[in-house]
C-alpha atoms as a PDB file:
ATOM      1  CA  MET A   1      -3.129-142.800  63.482  1.00  0.00           C
ATOM      2  CA  SER A   2      -2.733-145.681  65.934  1.00  0.00           C
ATOM      3  CA  GLY A   3      -3.091-148.068  62.976  1.00  0.00           C
ATOM      4  CA  TRP A   4       0.030-146.572  61.387  1.00  0.00           C
ATOM      5  CA  ARG A   5       1.879-146.644  64.696  1.00  0.00           C
ATOM      6  CA  ASP A   6       0.960-150.304  65.243  1.00  0.00           C
ATOM      7  CA  LEU A   7       2.098-151.152  61.717  1.00  0.00           C
ATOM      8  CA  LEU A   8       5.457-149.384  62.214  1.00  0.00           C
ATOM      9  CA  VAL A   9       6.071-151.081  65.570  1.00  0.00           C
ATOM     10  CA  ASP A  10       5.100-154.483  64.151  1.00  0.00           C
ATOM     11  CA  LEU A  11       7.337-153.988  61.109  1.00  0.00           C
ATOM     12  CA  ALA A  12      10.231-152.875  63.320  1.00  0.00           C
ATOM     13  CA  ARG A  13       9.909-156.008  65.461  1.00  0.00           C
ATOM     14  CA  GLU A  14       9.697-158.231  62.405  1.00  0.00           C
ATOM     15  CA  THR A  15      12.724-156.488  60.872  1.00  0.00           C
ATOM     16  CA  LEU A  16      14.796-157.399  63.920  1.00  0.00           C
ATOM     17  CA  ARG A  17      13.444-160.964  64.184  1.00  0.00           C
ATOM     18  CA  SER A  18      13.143-161.935  60.518  1.00  0.00           C
ATOM     19  CA  PRO A  19      14.668-159.270  58.230  1.00  0.00           C
ATOM     20  CA  ARG A  20      13.998-161.035  54.922  1.00  0.00           C
ATOM     21  CA  LYS A  21      10.360-161.624  55.786  1.00  0.00           C
ATOM     22  CA  ALA A  22      10.004-157.979  56.818  1.00  0.00           C
ATOM     23  CA  ALA A  23      11.606-156.844  53.546  1.00  0.00           C
ATOM     24  CA  GLY A  24       9.161-159.008  51.594  1.00  0.00           C
ATOM     25  CA  ARG A  25       6.269-157.576  53.587  1.00  0.00           C
ATOM     26  CA  LEU A  26       7.403-154.006  52.910  1.00  0.00           C
ATOM     27  CA  VAL A  27       7.723-154.664  49.183  1.00  0.00           C
ATOM     28  CA  ALA A  28       4.304-156.368  49.167  1.00  0.00           C
ATOM     29  CA  LEU A  29       2.726-153.208  50.627  1.00  0.00           C
ATOM     30  CA  ASP A  30       3.631-151.583  47.292  1.00  0.00           C
ATOM     31  CA  PRO A  31       2.944-147.943  48.235  1.00  0.00           C
ATOM     32  CA  PRO A  32       2.745-145.454  45.359  1.00  0.00           C
ATOM     33  CA  MET A  33       6.016-143.853  44.275  1.00  0.00           C
ATOM     34  CA  GLU A  34       4.890-140.483  45.668  1.00  0.00           C
ATOM     35  CA  ALA A  35       4.590-142.049  49.138  1.00  0.00           C
ATOM     36  CA  ARG A  36       8.110-143.468  48.829  1.00  0.00           C
ATOM     37  CA  TRP A  37       9.529-140.033  47.957  1.00  0.00           C
ATOM     38  CA  LEU A  38       7.597-138.420  50.825  1.00  0.00           C
ATOM     39  CA  ALA A  39       8.933-141.046  53.239  1.00  0.00           C
ATOM     40  CA  LEU A  40      12.438-140.298  51.938  1.00  0.00           C
ATOM     41  CA  LEU A  41      11.934-136.588  52.632  1.00  0.00           C
ATOM     42  CA  PHE A  42      10.602-137.378  56.118  1.00  0.00           C
ATOM     43  CA  VAL A  43      13.587-139.540  57.139  1.00  0.00           C
ATOM     44  CA  ALA A  44      16.020-136.980  55.692  1.00  0.00           C
ATOM     45  CA  VAL A  45      14.448-134.186  57.775  1.00  0.00           C
ATOM     46  CA  PHE A  46      14.325-136.472  60.819  1.00  0.00           C
ATOM     47  CA  ALA A  47      18.027-137.346  60.416  1.00  0.00           C
ATOM     48  CA  VAL A  48      19.044-133.670  60.057  1.00  0.00           C
ATOM     49  CA  PHE A  49      16.998-132.710  63.125  1.00  0.00           C
ATOM     50  CA  GLU A  50      18.694-135.489  65.084  1.00  0.00           C
ATOM     51  CA  THR A  51      22.136-134.364  63.869  1.00  0.00           C
ATOM     52  CA  ARG A  52      21.423-130.775  64.942  1.00  0.00           C
ATOM     53  CA  LEU A  53      20.418-132.055  68.357  1.00  0.00           C
ATOM     54  CA  ALA A  54      23.617-134.109  68.562  1.00  0.00           C
ATOM     55  CA  LEU A  55      25.693-131.033  67.644  1.00  0.00           C
ATOM     56  CA  PHE A  56      24.375-129.252  70.746  1.00  0.00           C
ATOM     57  CA  LEU A  57      25.711-132.118  72.837  1.00  0.00           C
ATOM     58  CA  MET A  58      29.142-132.245  71.176  1.00  0.00           C
ATOM     59  CA  PRO A  59      32.149-130.416  72.559  1.00  0.00           C
ATOM     60  CA  ILE A  60      32.939-127.055  70.993  1.00  0.00           C
ATOM     61  CA  GLY A  61      34.926-127.457  67.784  1.00  0.00           C
ATOM     62  CA  ALA A  62      33.483-130.884  66.937  1.00  0.00           C
ATOM     63  CA  GLU A  63      30.719-129.327  64.865  1.00  0.00           C
ATOM     64  CA  SER A  64      32.891-128.760  61.798  1.00  0.00           C
ATOM     65  CA  GLY A  65      33.218-130.742  58.571  1.00  0.00           C
ATOM     66  CA  VAL A  66      30.655-133.381  57.693  1.00  0.00           C
ATOM     67  CA  PHE A  67      28.654-132.934  60.907  1.00  0.00           C
ATOM     68  CA  ALA A  68      28.183-129.239  60.183  1.00  0.00           C
ATOM     69  CA  ILE A  69      26.894-130.058  56.691  1.00  0.00           C
ATOM     70  CA  LEU A  70      24.559-132.817  57.858  1.00  0.00           C
ATOM     71  CA  GLY A  71      23.231-130.594  60.637  1.00  0.00           C
ATOM     72  CA  ASN A  72      22.524-127.670  58.299  1.00  0.00           C
ATOM     73  CA  PRO A  73      18.919-127.966  57.024  1.00  0.00           C
ATOM     74  CA  TRP A  74      19.744-126.322  53.667  1.00  0.00           C
ATOM     75  CA  LEU A  75      22.659-128.662  52.996  1.00  0.00           C
ATOM     76  CA  GLY A  76      21.877-131.648  55.196  1.00  0.00           C
ATOM     77  CA  VAL A  77      18.439-132.525  53.806  1.00  0.00           C
ATOM     78  CA  PRO A  78      19.573-132.542  50.138  1.00  0.00           C
ATOM     79  CA  ALA A  79      22.761-134.416  51.130  1.00  0.00           C
ATOM     80  CA  GLN A  80      20.732-137.039  53.024  1.00  0.00           C
ATOM     81  CA  ILE A  81      18.275-137.429  50.146  1.00  0.00           C
ATOM     82  CA  ALA A  82      21.062-137.702  47.554  1.00  0.00           C
ATOM     83  CA  SER A  83      22.929-140.253  49.684  1.00  0.00           C
ATOM     84  CA  LEU A  84      19.870-142.449  50.233  1.00  0.00           C
ATOM     85  CA  VAL A  85      18.855-142.307  46.566  1.00  0.00           C
ATOM     86  CA  LEU A  86      22.418-143.219  45.598  1.00  0.00           C
ATOM     87  CA  ILE A  87      22.417-146.154  48.036  1.00  0.00           C
ATOM     88  CA  ALA A  88      19.061-147.389  46.697  1.00  0.00           C
ATOM     89  CA  ALA A  89      20.250-147.025  43.102  1.00  0.00           C
ATOM     90  CA  ALA A  90      23.457-148.917  43.902  1.00  0.00           C
ATOM     91  CA  MET A  91      21.473-151.608  45.717  1.00  0.00           C
ATOM     92  CA  ALA A  92      19.224-152.133  42.699  1.00  0.00           C
ATOM     93  CA  TRP A  93      21.878-151.710  39.992  1.00  0.00           C
ATOM     94  CA  ILE A  94      24.728-153.730  41.527  1.00  0.00           C
ATOM     95  CA  GLY A  95      22.314-156.513  42.487  1.00  0.00           C
ATOM     96  CA  GLY A  96      21.003-156.487  38.922  1.00  0.00           C
ATOM     97  CA  LEU A  97      24.544-156.936  37.599  1.00  0.00           C
ATOM     98  CA  PHE A  98      24.717-160.205  39.530  1.00  0.00           C
ATOM     99  CA  GLY A  99      21.389-161.521  38.279  1.00  0.00           C
ATOM    100  CA  GLY A 100      19.070-159.998  40.887  1.00  0.00           C
ATOM    101  CA  GLY A 101      15.578-158.909  39.980  1.00  0.00           C
ATOM    102  CA  GLY A 102      15.017-156.073  42.453  1.00  0.00           C
ATOM    103  CA  ARG A 103      13.584-152.733  41.286  1.00  0.00           C
ATOM    104  CA  PHE A 104      14.850-149.277  42.237  1.00  0.00           C
ATOM    105  CA  ALA A 105      11.426-148.345  43.681  1.00  0.00           C
ATOM    106  CA  ASP A 106      11.570-151.280  46.100  1.00  0.00           C
ATOM    107  CA  ALA A 107      15.229-150.639  46.934  1.00  0.00           C
ATOM    108  CA  LEU A 108      14.283-147.041  47.779  1.00  0.00           C
ATOM    109  CA  LEU A 109      11.483-148.251  50.056  1.00  0.00           C
ATOM    110  CA  LEU A 110      13.805-150.648  51.890  1.00  0.00           C
ATOM    111  CA  VAL A 111      16.594-148.067  52.247  1.00  0.00           C
ATOM    112  CA  VAL A 112      14.159-145.477  53.611  1.00  0.00           C
ATOM    113  CA  TRP A 113      12.840-147.990  56.152  1.00  0.00           C
ATOM    114  CA  LEU A 114      16.365-148.887  57.268  1.00  0.00           C
ATOM    115  CA  GLU A 115      17.273-145.195  57.569  1.00  0.00           C
ATOM    116  CA  PHE A 116      14.163-144.630  59.695  1.00  0.00           C
ATOM    117  CA  LEU A 117      15.156-147.485  62.016  1.00  0.00           C
ATOM    118  CA  LEU A 118      18.724-146.167  62.119  1.00  0.00           C
ATOM    119  CA  THR A 119      17.617-142.690  63.210  1.00  0.00           C
ATOM    120  CA  VAL A 120      15.400-144.192  65.938  1.00  0.00           C
ATOM    121  CA  ALA A 121      18.321-146.338  67.146  1.00  0.00           C
ATOM    122  CA  GLN A 122      20.640-143.312  67.101  1.00  0.00           C
ATOM    123  CA  ALA A 123      18.143-141.355  69.205  1.00  0.00           C
ATOM    124  CA  VAL A 124      18.290-144.130  71.825  1.00  0.00           C
ATOM    125  CA  GLN A 125      22.082-144.094  71.549  1.00  0.00           C
ATOM    126  CA  MET A 126      22.147-140.320  72.119  1.00  0.00           C
ATOM    127  CA  VAL A 127      20.129-140.664  75.323  1.00  0.00           C
ATOM    128  CA  ALA A 128      22.439-143.480  76.467  1.00  0.00           C
ATOM    129  CA  MET A 129      25.494-141.252  75.799  1.00  0.00           C
ATOM    130  CA  LEU A 130      24.044-138.613  78.125  1.00  0.00           C
ATOM    131  CA  VAL A 131      23.162-141.065  80.888  1.00  0.00           C
ATOM    132  CA  LEU A 132      26.112-143.468  80.651  1.00  0.00           C
ATOM    133  CA  PRO A 133      28.750-142.626  77.991  1.00  0.00           C
ATOM    134  CA  PRO A 134      30.385-146.102  77.875  1.00  0.00           C
ATOM    135  CA  LEU A 135      26.967-147.650  77.190  1.00  0.00           C
ATOM    136  CA  GLY A 136      26.421-145.131  74.383  1.00  0.00           C
ATOM    137  CA  ALA A 137      29.737-146.130  72.791  1.00  0.00           C
ATOM    138  CA  LEU A 138      28.788-149.818  72.936  1.00  0.00           C
ATOM    139  CA  LEU A 139      25.391-149.025  71.468  1.00  0.00           C
ATOM    140  CA  ALA A 140      27.071-147.150  68.610  1.00  0.00           C
ATOM    141  CA  ILE A 141      28.998-150.291  67.655  1.00  0.00           C
ATOM    142  CA  GLY A 142      25.856-152.406  67.987  1.00  0.00           C
ATOM    143  CA  VAL A 143      23.796-150.006  65.862  1.00  0.00           C
ATOM    144  CA  LEU A 144      26.413-149.981  63.103  1.00  0.00           C
ATOM    145  CA  ALA A 145      26.740-153.784  63.102  1.00  0.00           C
ATOM    146  CA  GLY A 146      22.958-154.189  63.146  1.00  0.00           C
ATOM    147  CA  PHE A 147      22.507-151.731  60.290  1.00  0.00           C
ATOM    148  CA  LEU A 148      25.064-153.570  58.131  1.00  0.00           C
ATOM    149  CA  TRP A 149      23.455-156.930  58.912  1.00  0.00           C
ATOM    150  CA  LEU A 150      19.979-155.640  58.018  1.00  0.00           C
ATOM    151  CA  MET A 151      21.314-154.045  54.833  1.00  0.00           C
ATOM    152  CA  VAL A 152      22.783-157.388  53.734  1.00  0.00           C
ATOM    153  CA  GLN A 153      19.540-159.191  54.558  1.00  0.00           C
ATOM    154  CA  PHE A 154      17.359-156.606  52.777  1.00  0.00           C
ATOM    155  CA  THR A 155      19.585-156.632  49.681  1.00  0.00           C
ATOM    156  CA  ALA A 156      19.430-160.424  49.552  1.00  0.00           C
ATOM    157  CA  ALA A 157      15.636-160.333  49.962  1.00  0.00           C
ATOM    158  CA  LEU A 158      15.241-157.660  47.280  1.00  0.00           C
ATOM    159  CA  HIS A 159      17.105-159.676  44.675  1.00  0.00           C
ATOM    160  CA  GLY A 160      16.347-163.216  45.834  1.00  0.00           C
ATOM    161  CA  PHE A 161      19.994-163.951  46.667  1.00  0.00           C
ATOM    162  CA  GLN A 162      20.878-166.774  49.060  1.00  0.00           C
ATOM    163  CA  ASN A 163      24.623-166.255  49.647  1.00  0.00           C
ATOM    164  CA  LEU A 164      24.870-163.500  52.267  1.00  0.00           C
ATOM    165  CA  PHE A 165      28.670-163.375  52.136  1.00  0.00           C
ATOM    166  CA  LYS A 166      28.623-162.480  48.421  1.00  0.00           C
ATOM    167  CA  VAL A 167      25.965-159.859  49.130  1.00  0.00           C
ATOM    168  CA  PHE A 168      28.222-158.404  51.838  1.00  0.00           C
ATOM    169  CA  LEU A 169      31.196-158.268  49.450  1.00  0.00           C
ATOM    170  CA  GLY A 170      29.016-156.538  46.848  1.00  0.00           C
ATOM    171  CA  MET A 171      27.938-154.029  49.491  1.00  0.00           C
ATOM    172  CA  VAL A 172      31.542-153.258  50.427  1.00  0.00           C
ATOM    173  CA  ALA A 173      32.406-152.653  46.757  1.00  0.00           C
ATOM    174  CA  GLY A 174      29.286-150.510  46.354  1.00  0.00           C
ATOM    175  CA  PHE A 175      30.156-148.535  49.486  1.00  0.00           C
ATOM    176  CA  VAL A 176      33.614-147.723  48.128  1.00  0.00           C
ATOM    177  CA  VAL A 177      32.075-146.511  44.855  1.00  0.00           C
ATOM    178  CA  ILE A 178      29.428-144.423  46.659  1.00  0.00           C
ATOM    179  CA  VAL A 179      31.887-142.786  49.085  1.00  0.00           C
ATOM    180  CA  THR A 180      34.288-141.987  46.254  1.00  0.00           C
ATOM    181  CA  THR A 181      31.474-140.548  44.118  1.00  0.00           C
ATOM    182  CA  LEU A 182      30.118-138.422  46.977  1.00  0.00           C
ATOM    183  CA  ALA A 183      33.592-137.171  47.921  1.00  0.00           C
ATOM    184  CA  MET A 184      34.227-136.111  44.309  1.00  0.00           C
ATOM    185  CA  LEU A 185      30.777-134.497  44.040  1.00  0.00           C
ATOM    186  CA  PHE A 186      31.092-132.556  47.305  1.00  0.00           C
ATOM    187  CA  GLY A 187      34.659-131.605  46.472  1.00  0.00           C
ATOM    188  CA  ALA A 188      33.613-130.291  43.050  1.00  0.00           C
ATOM    189  CA  LEU A 189      30.853-128.255  44.689  1.00  0.00           C
ATOM    190  CA  GLY A 190      33.266-126.962  47.329  1.00  0.00           C
ATOM    191  CA  ILE A 191      30.996-128.198  50.124  1.00  0.00           C
ATOM    192  CA  VAL A 192      33.366-130.386  52.095  1.00  0.00           C
ATOM    193  CA  THR A 193      36.375-128.489  53.364  1.00  0.00           C
ATOM    194  CA  GLN A 194      37.278-130.806  56.211  1.00  0.00           C
ATOM    195  CA  VAL A 195      36.511-134.523  56.543  1.00  0.00           C
END
């Protein structure tokens, strides 16, 4: 078990120091597709558990809308899984439109890893909010900026792109498409009543 822990810690450090190299290392591991789907399920459950914990710390009335959905295990886990699969599909497909050679399976692996790191960072942020709220707010901005930066780097590494600005613009366009698609899907299912 310590071997896995050491690998995760080493990969996390490398992701922060040299994101493209870490992305290449993750892809080179080439785990079977079943392991990728299991990792996706794990991070989705982890994220929902963390959201439920955060809801206990929120003021009364703040637990409505999207937070209530993401904190509900029966809705949150499928919503997390669908969102991450959609992001991975967009990462692979949009990059492919611009000449990239990344596969969906590798995009899924990279997105799952980033989501895992994001949930760990948000756990640290939650503790900081309890101890020193202004520090928690600053951490929230830092986590978001760091996540976007890593997403750009991982997308560029996946497809072999060099121009990070173009990758960022592609991500913004992809984000608009994903948010619109999810809003229409949730609206059609009657899930989101308040955003």
